[in-house]
Protein backbone atom coordinates (compact mmCIF):
# COMPACT_ATOMS: atom_id res chain seq x y z
CA UNK A 1 16.85 -2.44 11.56
CA UNK A 2 15.64 -2.53 8.03
CA UNK A 3 12.73 -4.91 7.23
CA UNK A 4 12.56 -6.79 4.01
CA UNK A 5 9.52 -5.86 1.91
CA UNK A 6 7.71 -8.51 -0.14
CA UNK A 7 4.62 -8.15 -2.35
CA UNK A 8 1.89 -10.79 -2.50
CA UNK A 9 0.72 -11.58 -6.06
CA UNK A 10 -2.50 -9.61 -5.31
CA UNK A 11 -0.38 -6.63 -4.26
CA UNK A 12 1.34 -6.71 -7.59
CA UNK A 13 -1.86 -7.04 -9.42
CA UNK A 14 -3.71 -4.39 -7.63
CA UNK A 15 -0.69 -1.98 -7.85
CA UNK A 16 -0.64 -2.43 -11.54
CA UNK A 17 -4.36 -1.84 -11.69
CA UNK A 18 -4.05 1.41 -9.84
CA UNK A 19 -1.23 2.55 -12.07
CA UNK A 20 -3.19 1.61 -15.25
CA UNK A 21 -6.25 3.51 -13.92
CA UNK A 22 -4.08 6.56 -13.22
CA UNK A 23 -2.56 6.35 -16.65
CA UNK A 24 -5.96 6.34 -18.31
CA UNK A 25 -7.41 9.15 -16.16
CA UNK A 26 -4.62 11.43 -15.37
CA UNK A 27 -1.27 12.72 -16.70
CA UNK A 28 1.97 10.89 -16.78
CA UNK A 29 3.25 13.29 -14.15
CA UNK A 30 0.57 12.25 -11.71
CA UNK A 31 1.60 8.50 -12.18
CA UNK A 32 5.24 9.29 -11.49
CA UNK A 33 4.19 11.38 -8.43
CA UNK A 34 2.01 8.46 -7.21
CA UNK A 35 4.89 5.82 -7.88
CA UNK A 36 7.37 8.15 -5.86
CA UNK A 37 4.89 8.34 -3.02
CA UNK A 38 4.71 4.44 -2.97
CA UNK A 39 8.39 4.21 -2.97
CA UNK A 40 8.83 6.76 -0.30
CA UNK A 41 6.25 5.01 1.88
CA UNK A 42 7.99 1.68 1.26
CA UNK A 43 11.18 3.16 2.49
CA UNK A 44 9.43 4.56 5.51
CA UNK A 45 7.79 1.34 6.61
CA UNK A 46 11.07 -0.68 5.97
CA UNK A 47 12.60 1.16 8.86
CA UNK A 48 9.45 1.98 11.02
CA UNK A 49 6.88 -0.66 10.08
CA UNK A 50 4.51 0.06 13.03
CA UNK A 51 4.11 3.72 12.09
CA UNK A 52 0.67 3.13 10.45
CA UNK A 53 -2.52 2.00 12.27
CA UNK A 54 -3.86 -1.42 12.52
CA UNK A 55 -6.95 -1.86 10.38
CA UNK A 56 -7.95 -5.32 11.78
CA UNK A 57 -6.91 -6.41 15.23
CA UNK A 58 -7.28 -10.12 14.58
CA UNK A 59 -5.02 -10.22 11.49
CA UNK A 60 -2.92 -7.20 12.47
CA UNK A 61 -3.27 -5.76 9.00
CA UNK A 62 -2.14 -2.20 8.70
CA UNK A 63 -3.40 0.62 6.44
CA UNK A 64 -1.40 3.32 4.89
CA UNK A 65 -3.41 5.96 2.99
CA UNK A 66 -1.29 6.93 0.02
CA UNK A 67 -3.89 9.21 -1.51
CA UNK A 68 -7.49 10.03 -0.57
CA UNK A 69 -8.51 7.41 -3.14
CA UNK A 70 -5.81 4.72 -2.51
CA UNK A 71 -4.50 2.79 0.60
CA UNK A 72 -1.88 0.12 0.79
CA UNK A 73 -2.47 -2.77 3.24
CA UNK A 74 0.44 -4.64 4.83
CA UNK A 75 1.33 -6.95 7.67
CA UNK A 76 4.59 -7.27 9.63
CA UNK A 77 6.05 -10.76 10.25
CA UNK A 78 9.37 -10.92 12.18
CA UNK A 79 11.70 -9.02 9.84
CA UNK A 80 9.45 -9.12 6.78
CA UNK A 81 6.79 -6.63 5.73
CA UNK A 82 4.31 -8.26 3.44
CA UNK A 83 2.34 -5.81 1.16
CA UNK A 84 -1.08 -7.49 0.97
CA UNK A 85 -2.82 -5.17 -1.64
CA UNK A 86 -3.56 -1.60 -2.80
CA UNK A 87 -7.16 -0.60 -2.15
CA UNK A 88 -9.25 1.91 -3.90
CA UNK A 89 -10.86 3.82 -0.94
CA UNK A 90 -14.10 4.43 -2.97
CA UNK A 91 -14.90 0.71 -3.05
CA UNK A 92 -17.11 -0.99 -0.48
CA UNK A 93 -15.58 -0.54 3.09
CA UNK A 94 -12.85 -2.92 4.03
CA UNK A 95 -14.58 -3.92 7.31
CA UNK A 96 -18.26 -3.77 8.16
């Protein structure tokens, strides 16, 4: 079964912010590499959505580490995977 992937407005904004940051700090090749990693991960979770660990038991938000500095948070609802946001791992911790 293939799950449908949807992005929240916050996910779209945070993804664009990460890409913009990468463009300003790193090479074009690094940005392409990151985008391919995101695409590959989305393909993986569309077929195996429970592969990544739950970050918060109460909300069942899952966390996928894309790079040591960036994670993607998502939830699974029936046949839909909702991408919540992209998180800079160098920020304050997600949960205290």
